[in-house]
Amino acid sequence: MSKLGLVRTAISSNFSSLRSVRTSHKHGFVAFPARQFSTESEPQQTQDQAVDSFLRTSASGSLYAKLTGGITRNTLKTDIVNLLEGCNLSLEDVKVDYFRDYNPSAMLVHFSSPHAYDQAFKMISRKGRLYRMEKVAKSQWDIVAPYDGKTILLQGIPLNAVPEDVARFLSGCDFDASSIQIFLKATVPDKMATVRFPSQSQAMNCFITKNKGFCLNNQVLVRVLQ
């Protein structure tokens, strides 16, 4: 039997662990390991293709990051968009992550590609060294509610105030009365309230006309939440 015939015989035997095959070679027997004729390389090729596909997808996929270090109460989304020029960001690509007292803790940023993310690092090192940026999971981006400049925060609401008192304070403004939420924080002596508006311009108008006004003899500060 030829060597080619021996190979075919070994393959058809379901690749048994070690098969001794008699040949015409002067040394008598040659052992052919079953793995030598297996097709294990085919799954490996499939795996390599999957890795290549993942890398290609990642190269054009979204990334999320958190900016800290230079975030203050006065930091706006537009400040971040302008800081990270060349990253093709819109205001919808930026969210403010607030502490429970509504002081900002960080800015979350959505990048459309790894290239945009790398560009952001360059811009921060060039003109935004107060900021620190780290990559975060999409789940962290998803849990942060965007206020989009349509919600105001009222600080200094008297302890005995009720939603009707807040509505009277906002008289003349176009707001959603059903959205009034009054709450108390342990570290704040007075109550706080959030109110939604139909648009950013109406929320800003409320800030302009009502900031430092009085609600039941308490002076109230108005902030627009981003």
Protein backbone atom coordinates (compact mmCIF):
# COMPACT_ATOMS: atom_id res chain seq x y z
CA MET A 1 0.00 0.00 0.00
CA SER A 2 1.37 3.45 -0.90
CA LYS A 3 1.94 6.21 1.66
CA LEU A 4 -0.97 8.15 0.17
CA GLY A 5 -3.20 5.19 0.82
CA LEU A 6 -2.00 5.04 4.40
CA VAL A 7 -2.92 8.72 4.90
CA ARG A 8 -6.39 8.16 3.53
CA THR A 9 -6.82 5.13 5.80
CA ALA A 10 -5.76 7.16 8.86
CA ILE A 11 -8.20 9.98 8.06
CA SER A 12 -11.15 7.62 7.52
CA SER A 13 -10.58 5.98 10.93
CA ASN A 14 -11.84 9.12 12.75
CA PHE A 15 -8.32 10.10 13.79
CA SER A 16 -7.73 7.46 16.47
CA SER A 17 -5.19 8.44 19.13
CA LEU A 18 -2.11 6.68 17.71
CA ARG A 19 -2.21 4.32 14.75
CA SER A 20 0.70 2.17 13.74
CA VAL A 21 0.91 1.80 10.00
CA ARG A 22 3.04 -0.79 8.31
CA THR A 23 5.11 0.62 5.49
CA SER A 24 7.79 -0.64 3.17
CA HIS A 25 10.33 1.52 4.99
CA LYS A 26 13.29 -0.46 6.20
CA HIS A 27 12.63 0.51 9.83
CA GLY A 28 9.32 -1.36 9.84
CA PHE A 29 6.61 0.77 11.46
CA VAL A 30 5.86 4.48 11.48
CA ALA A 31 3.43 5.95 14.07
CA PHE A 32 1.01 8.57 12.75
CA PRO A 33 -0.57 10.66 15.55
CA ALA A 34 -4.25 11.27 14.95
CA ARG A 35 -3.84 15.04 15.56
CA GLN A 36 -1.46 15.19 12.58
CA PHE A 37 -4.40 14.63 10.20
CA SER A 38 -7.06 16.53 12.11
CA THR A 39 -8.79 19.65 10.86
CA GLU A 40 -8.30 21.60 14.13
CA SER A 41 -6.81 24.48 12.14
CA GLU A 42 -10.23 25.24 10.66
CA PRO A 43 -11.86 26.34 13.96
CA GLN A 44 -8.73 28.40 14.63
CA GLN A 45 -9.19 30.16 11.32
CA THR A 46 -12.81 30.86 12.24
CA GLN A 47 -11.73 32.29 15.58
CA ASP A 48 -9.13 34.51 13.93
CA GLN A 49 -11.76 35.79 11.54
CA ALA A 50 -14.03 36.62 14.48
CA VAL A 51 -11.22 38.55 16.19
CA ASP A 52 -10.49 40.46 13.00
CA SER A 53 -14.19 41.28 12.66
CA PHE A 54 -14.33 42.52 16.28
CA LEU A 55 -11.31 44.76 15.76
CA ARG A 56 -12.80 46.22 12.61
CA THR A 57 -16.06 46.91 14.45
CA SER A 58 -14.25 48.48 17.41
CA ALA A 59 -12.27 50.73 15.10
CA SER A 60 -15.47 52.45 13.99
CA GLY A 61 -17.61 51.96 17.10
CA SER A 62 -18.65 54.27 19.92
CA LEU A 63 -16.59 54.92 23.04
CA TYR A 64 -17.60 56.60 26.30
CA ALA A 65 -15.46 58.61 28.70
CA LYS A 66 -15.72 60.53 31.96
CA LEU A 67 -14.14 63.95 32.43
CA THR A 68 -13.28 65.03 35.98
CA GLY A 69 -10.87 67.43 37.67
CA GLY A 70 -11.93 70.74 36.14
CA ILE A 71 -15.71 70.42 36.44
CA THR A 72 -17.45 73.20 38.37
CA ARG A 73 -21.03 74.36 38.82
CA ASN A 74 -20.47 76.84 36.01
CA THR A 75 -19.09 74.32 33.49
CA LEU A 76 -21.42 74.04 30.51
CA LYS A 77 -21.82 71.38 27.86
CA THR A 78 -20.71 73.93 25.30
CA ASP A 79 -17.45 74.34 27.25
CA ILE A 80 -16.70 70.64 26.78
CA VAL A 81 -17.68 70.65 23.09
CA ASN A 82 -15.41 73.65 22.50
CA LEU A 83 -12.58 72.13 24.54
CA LEU A 84 -12.67 68.89 22.53
CA GLU A 85 -12.69 70.51 19.11
CA GLY A 86 -12.03 68.15 16.24
CA CYS A 87 -13.91 65.30 17.96
CA ASN A 88 -17.20 65.99 16.09
CA LEU A 89 -19.20 66.35 19.31
CA SER A 90 -22.70 67.76 19.64
CA LEU A 91 -24.44 68.80 22.85
CA GLU A 92 -26.25 65.44 22.80
CA ASP A 93 -22.85 63.73 23.12
CA VAL A 94 -22.27 65.31 26.55
CA LYS A 95 -24.07 64.57 29.83
CA VAL A 96 -23.55 66.08 33.28
CA ASP A 97 -23.29 63.57 36.12
CA TYR A 98 -24.59 65.30 39.26
CA PHE A 99 -24.09 64.51 42.93
CA ARG A 100 -27.26 64.14 45.01
CA ASP A 101 -27.10 67.85 45.88
CA TYR A 102 -26.96 68.66 42.15
CA ASN A 103 -23.39 69.83 42.15
CA PRO A 104 -21.69 68.34 39.07
CA SER A 105 -19.29 65.47 39.68
CA ALA A 106 -18.22 64.75 36.10
CA MET A 107 -18.99 65.17 32.43
CA LEU A 108 -19.74 62.04 30.42
CA VAL A 109 -18.82 62.15 26.74
CA HIS A 110 -19.84 59.92 23.84
CA PHE A 111 -17.26 59.55 21.06
CA SER A 112 -18.28 58.15 17.69
CA SER A 113 -14.94 56.41 17.12
CA PRO A 114 -11.58 55.57 18.77
CA HIS A 115 -10.02 58.25 16.56
CA ALA A 116 -12.29 60.90 18.14
CA TYR A 117 -11.37 59.56 21.60
CA ASP A 118 -7.64 59.84 20.80
CA GLN A 119 -8.19 63.37 19.49
CA ALA A 120 -9.83 64.29 22.81
CA PHE A 121 -6.70 63.22 24.68
CA LYS A 122 -4.61 65.46 22.45
CA MET A 123 -6.86 68.45 23.05
CA ILE A 124 -6.89 67.93 26.83
CA SER A 125 -3.09 67.72 26.97
CA ARG A 126 -2.87 70.86 24.82
CA LYS A 127 -5.36 73.20 26.48
CA GLY A 128 -7.32 71.42 29.20
CA ARG A 129 -4.80 70.05 31.65
CA LEU A 130 -7.09 70.58 34.62
CA TYR A 131 -9.27 67.77 33.26
CA ARG A 132 -8.74 64.04 33.62
CA MET A 133 -10.36 61.62 31.19
CA GLU A 134 -10.96 57.91 31.59
CA LYS A 135 -12.89 55.40 29.52
CA VAL A 136 -16.19 54.13 30.99
CA ALA A 137 -18.77 51.52 30.00
CA LYS A 138 -21.87 52.40 28.01
CA SER A 139 -23.96 51.34 31.02
CA GLN A 140 -22.52 54.25 33.01
CA TRP A 141 -23.55 56.63 30.23
CA ASP A 142 -27.04 55.12 30.07
CA ILE A 143 -27.90 55.58 33.76
CA VAL A 144 -27.23 59.35 33.74
CA ALA A 145 -30.40 61.29 32.97
CA PRO A 146 -29.93 64.23 30.59
CA TYR A 147 -31.69 67.41 31.68
CA ASP A 148 -30.75 69.14 28.41
CA GLY A 149 -31.21 72.64 29.82
CA LYS A 150 -34.98 72.13 30.19
CA THR A 151 -35.05 71.55 33.96
CA ILE A 152 -34.43 74.15 36.66
CA LEU A 153 -33.27 73.62 40.22
CA LEU A 154 -34.69 75.88 42.94
CA GLN A 155 -32.55 76.21 46.06
CA GLY A 156 -33.71 77.84 49.28
CA ILE A 157 -37.37 76.73 49.24
CA PRO A 158 -38.84 77.17 52.78
CA LEU A 159 -39.39 73.99 54.77
CA ASN A 160 -43.15 74.58 54.90
CA ALA A 161 -43.46 75.15 51.13
CA VAL A 162 -45.78 72.95 49.02
CA PRO A 163 -46.00 72.60 45.22
CA GLU A 164 -48.61 75.36 45.04
CA ASP A 165 -46.12 77.78 46.62
CA VAL A 166 -43.52 76.85 44.00
CA ALA A 167 -46.08 77.33 41.24
CA ARG A 168 -46.86 80.83 42.56
CA PHE A 169 -43.16 81.62 42.65
CA LEU A 170 -42.92 80.62 38.98
CA SER A 171 -45.97 82.66 37.99
CA GLY A 172 -45.58 84.07 34.49
CA CYS A 173 -43.31 81.23 33.33
CA ASP A 174 -44.40 78.41 31.02
CA PHE A 175 -43.62 75.21 32.94
CA ASP A 176 -45.01 71.73 33.56
CA ALA A 177 -46.81 72.02 36.91
CA SER A 178 -47.04 68.23 37.25
CA SER A 179 -43.23 68.00 37.18
CA ILE A 180 -42.66 69.98 40.40
CA GLN A 181 -40.68 67.84 42.83
CA ILE A 182 -39.80 69.23 46.26
CA PHE A 183 -37.20 67.43 48.37
CA LEU A 184 -34.83 67.92 51.29
CA LYS A 185 -31.16 66.99 51.44
CA ALA A 186 -29.49 66.20 54.74
CA THR A 187 -26.64 68.64 54.06
CA VAL A 188 -28.94 71.51 52.97
CA PRO A 189 -30.98 73.48 55.56
CA ASP A 190 -33.80 74.42 53.16
CA LYS A 191 -35.77 72.46 50.61
CA MET A 192 -34.92 72.15 46.94
CA ALA A 193 -37.17 71.63 43.95
CA THR A 194 -36.85 70.66 40.29
CA VAL A 195 -39.25 71.80 37.58
CA ARG A 196 -39.36 70.89 33.87
CA PHE A 197 -39.95 73.35 31.04
CA PRO A 198 -41.02 72.72 27.45
CA SER A 199 -37.82 74.21 26.01
CA GLN A 200 -34.35 75.44 26.89
CA SER A 201 -35.27 79.03 26.13
CA GLN A 202 -38.21 78.92 28.55
CA ALA A 203 -36.02 77.43 31.28
CA MET A 204 -33.43 80.15 30.68
CA ASN A 205 -36.14 82.81 30.79
CA CYS A 206 -37.15 81.50 34.21
CA PHE A 207 -33.55 81.81 35.39
CA ILE A 208 -33.35 85.40 34.14
CA THR A 209 -36.66 86.54 35.63
CA LYS A 210 -36.89 84.49 38.84
CA ASN A 211 -33.35 84.00 40.14
CA LYS A 212 -33.01 85.43 43.68
CA GLY A 213 -36.75 86.03 43.89
CA PHE A 214 -38.72 85.24 47.04
CA CYS A 215 -40.86 82.25 47.92
CA LEU A 216 -42.61 82.62 51.29
CA ASN A 217 -40.03 85.17 52.45
CA ASN A 218 -37.08 82.96 51.43
CA GLN A 219 -34.76 84.10 48.67
CA VAL A 220 -34.55 81.35 46.06
CA LEU A 221 -31.64 80.64 43.76
CA VAL A 222 -32.48 79.32 40.29
CA ARG A 223 -30.14 77.07 38.30
CA VAL A 224 -30.61 75.50 34.90
CA LEU A 225 -29.64 71.81 34.92
CA GLN A 226 -27.86 70.44 31.89
